[in-house]
Amino acid sequence: MKDPSCIFCKIIAGEIPSVQVYEDDRVVAFLDINPIAPGHTLLVPRDHYATLPETPPEVLAALMAAARPVARGLLAATRGEGFNFFQFNGACSGQEVMHLHFHVIPRRARDGVSFQWKQGKYREGEMAALGERIRGAIRRV
């Protein structure tokens, strides 16, 4: 399945140039053209799925299987000390291309890259109540 308007589908089809670092029958990984750090790689399924919840389990398994060699190669090639592995779902979360993708970003101590989010706290009983609602919703889907 391909979305003719999707930039990642066009990259996968070879219609837009990219620097691919990994590919198999279900997954492609290529360098991000706007890297957070040198080596910033995008890991994407060949088939078009906008978000993780709509992606079949076997495709997600293929992505996770490919993540290991991609991360190991990325660390070796960049001499990274660690990496971030991010995935966004929906525009409100920061997803800009509506084709499921994982960001693999090599990191080094004091590399100047930072990710900041505001942490909160639950009020008394709020965490348990929310947990119960989530468990119930999971059973229904």
Protein backbone atom coordinates (compact mmCIF):
# COMPACT_ATOMS: atom_id res chain seq x y z
CA MET A 1 0.00 0.00 0.00
CA LYS A 2 1.35 3.42 -0.96
CA ASP A 3 0.08 6.97 -0.53
CA PRO A 4 0.97 8.95 -3.69
CA SER A 5 1.09 12.22 -1.72
CA CYS A 6 3.38 10.90 1.04
CA ILE A 7 7.01 12.08 0.90
CA PHE A 8 8.23 8.89 2.62
CA CYS A 9 6.34 6.71 0.12
CA LYS A 10 8.07 8.69 -2.64
CA ILE A 11 11.47 8.19 -0.98
CA ILE A 12 10.83 4.45 -0.62
CA ALA A 13 9.78 4.26 -4.29
CA GLY A 14 13.00 6.04 -5.35
CA GLU A 15 11.10 9.08 -6.65
CA ILE A 16 12.93 11.35 -4.19
CA PRO A 17 16.64 10.83 -3.51
CA SER A 18 17.74 9.68 -0.08
CA VAL A 19 20.72 8.14 1.62
CA GLN A 20 19.51 4.71 2.65
CA VAL A 21 21.41 2.88 5.36
CA TYR A 22 19.25 -0.27 5.69
CA GLU A 23 16.52 -2.06 3.80
CA ASP A 24 14.70 -5.36 3.78
CA ASP A 25 11.38 -6.54 2.38
CA ARG A 26 9.31 -4.59 4.97
CA VAL A 27 11.54 -1.78 6.28
CA VAL A 28 13.72 1.04 4.98
CA ALA A 29 16.04 3.29 6.98
CA PHE A 30 17.46 6.52 5.60
CA LEU A 31 19.21 9.61 6.92
CA ASP A 32 16.97 12.50 7.97
CA ILE A 33 17.59 15.59 5.81
CA ASN A 34 17.13 17.81 8.88
CA PRO A 35 19.20 15.94 11.47
CA ILE A 36 19.17 16.69 15.16
CA ALA A 37 22.65 15.12 15.20
CA PRO A 38 24.82 13.70 12.40
CA GLY A 39 23.55 10.21 11.59
CA HIS A 40 19.94 10.93 12.61
CA THR A 41 18.13 8.09 10.86
CA LEU A 42 14.47 7.44 10.06
CA LEU A 43 13.22 3.85 10.24
CA VAL A 44 10.01 3.39 8.22
CA PRO A 45 7.80 0.58 6.97
CA ARG A 46 7.66 0.15 3.19
CA ASP A 47 3.86 0.14 3.35
CA HIS A 48 2.03 3.32 4.27
CA TYR A 49 0.54 3.49 7.76
CA ALA A 50 0.06 6.91 9.32
CA THR A 51 0.39 5.94 12.99
CA LEU A 52 1.46 3.10 15.23
CA PRO A 53 -2.08 2.04 16.30
CA GLU A 54 -3.11 1.36 12.70
CA THR A 55 0.06 -0.58 11.83
CA PRO A 56 -0.25 -4.39 11.79
CA PRO A 57 1.68 -6.25 14.50
CA GLU A 58 3.87 -8.07 11.96
CA VAL A 59 5.01 -4.73 10.49
CA LEU A 60 5.78 -3.38 13.95
CA ALA A 61 7.76 -6.57 14.66
CA ALA A 62 9.75 -6.04 11.45
CA LEU A 63 10.50 -2.45 12.46
CA MET A 64 11.73 -3.54 15.89
CA ALA A 65 13.85 -6.31 14.37
CA ALA A 66 15.45 -3.76 12.03
CA ALA A 67 15.98 -1.25 14.84
CA ARG A 68 18.75 -3.38 16.38
CA PRO A 69 21.15 -3.52 13.39
CA VAL A 70 20.35 0.10 12.49
CA ALA A 71 21.12 1.30 16.03
CA ARG A 72 24.28 -0.81 16.27
CA GLY A 73 25.54 0.43 12.89
CA LEU A 74 24.66 4.00 13.73
CA LEU A 75 26.54 3.86 17.03
CA ALA A 76 29.60 2.29 15.40
CA ALA A 77 29.69 4.70 12.45
CA THR A 78 29.18 7.86 14.53
CA ARG A 79 31.09 6.65 17.61
CA GLY A 80 27.92 7.39 19.53
CA GLU A 81 27.73 6.68 23.23
CA GLY A 82 23.97 6.16 23.16
CA PHE A 83 20.92 7.05 21.12
CA ASN A 84 17.36 8.28 21.32
CA PHE A 85 14.58 6.26 19.75
CA PHE A 86 11.47 8.38 19.20
CA GLN A 87 8.14 7.88 17.50
CA PHE A 88 5.33 10.45 17.27
CA ASN A 89 1.62 9.83 16.53
CA GLY A 90 -0.53 12.64 15.18
CA ALA A 91 0.20 16.28 14.49
CA CYS A 92 -0.45 17.30 18.12
CA SER A 93 2.47 15.08 19.21
CA GLY A 94 4.89 16.59 16.71
CA GLN A 95 4.44 14.12 13.83
CA GLU A 96 5.11 16.08 10.64
CA VAL A 97 5.05 13.28 8.04
CA MET A 98 1.96 11.10 8.38
CA HIS A 99 3.82 7.88 7.61
CA LEU A 100 4.82 5.82 10.64
CA HIS A 101 8.50 6.35 11.39
CA PHE A 102 10.98 6.02 14.20
CA HIS A 103 13.78 8.52 14.76
CA VAL A 104 17.12 6.96 15.74
CA ILE A 105 19.38 9.76 16.93
CA PRO A 106 22.99 9.08 17.95
CA ARG A 107 24.10 10.83 21.12
CA ARG A 108 27.31 11.72 22.89
CA ALA A 109 27.85 13.29 26.29
CA ARG A 110 27.66 17.08 26.09
CA ASP A 111 26.51 17.01 22.44
CA GLY A 112 24.25 20.03 22.97
CA VAL A 113 21.10 18.08 22.08
CA SER A 114 18.34 18.26 24.67
CA PHE A 115 14.75 17.14 24.87
CA GLN A 116 12.68 18.80 27.52
CA TRP A 117 9.19 18.01 28.64
CA LYS A 118 7.20 19.18 31.58
CA GLN A 119 6.65 16.43 34.13
CA GLY A 120 3.55 16.51 36.27
CA LYS A 121 2.10 14.79 39.31
CA TYR A 122 -1.18 12.95 39.85
CA ARG A 123 -3.61 14.06 42.53
CA GLU A 124 -4.63 11.55 45.21
CA GLY A 125 -6.49 8.63 43.55
CA GLU A 126 -6.17 10.07 40.02
CA MET A 127 -3.45 7.64 38.90
CA ALA A 128 -5.36 4.53 40.01
CA ALA A 129 -8.61 5.75 38.38
CA LEU A 130 -6.87 6.53 35.12
CA GLY A 131 -5.11 3.16 35.16
CA GLU A 132 -8.47 1.41 35.51
CA ARG A 133 -9.96 3.40 32.59
CA ILE A 134 -6.95 2.55 30.40
CA ARG A 135 -7.10 -1.17 31.30
CA GLY A 136 -10.82 -1.20 30.45
CA ALA A 137 -10.21 0.53 27.12
CA ILE A 138 -7.43 -1.92 26.24
CA ARG A 139 -9.77 -4.88 26.89
CA ARG A 140 -12.35 -3.35 24.50
CA VAL A 141 -10.04 -2.65 21.54
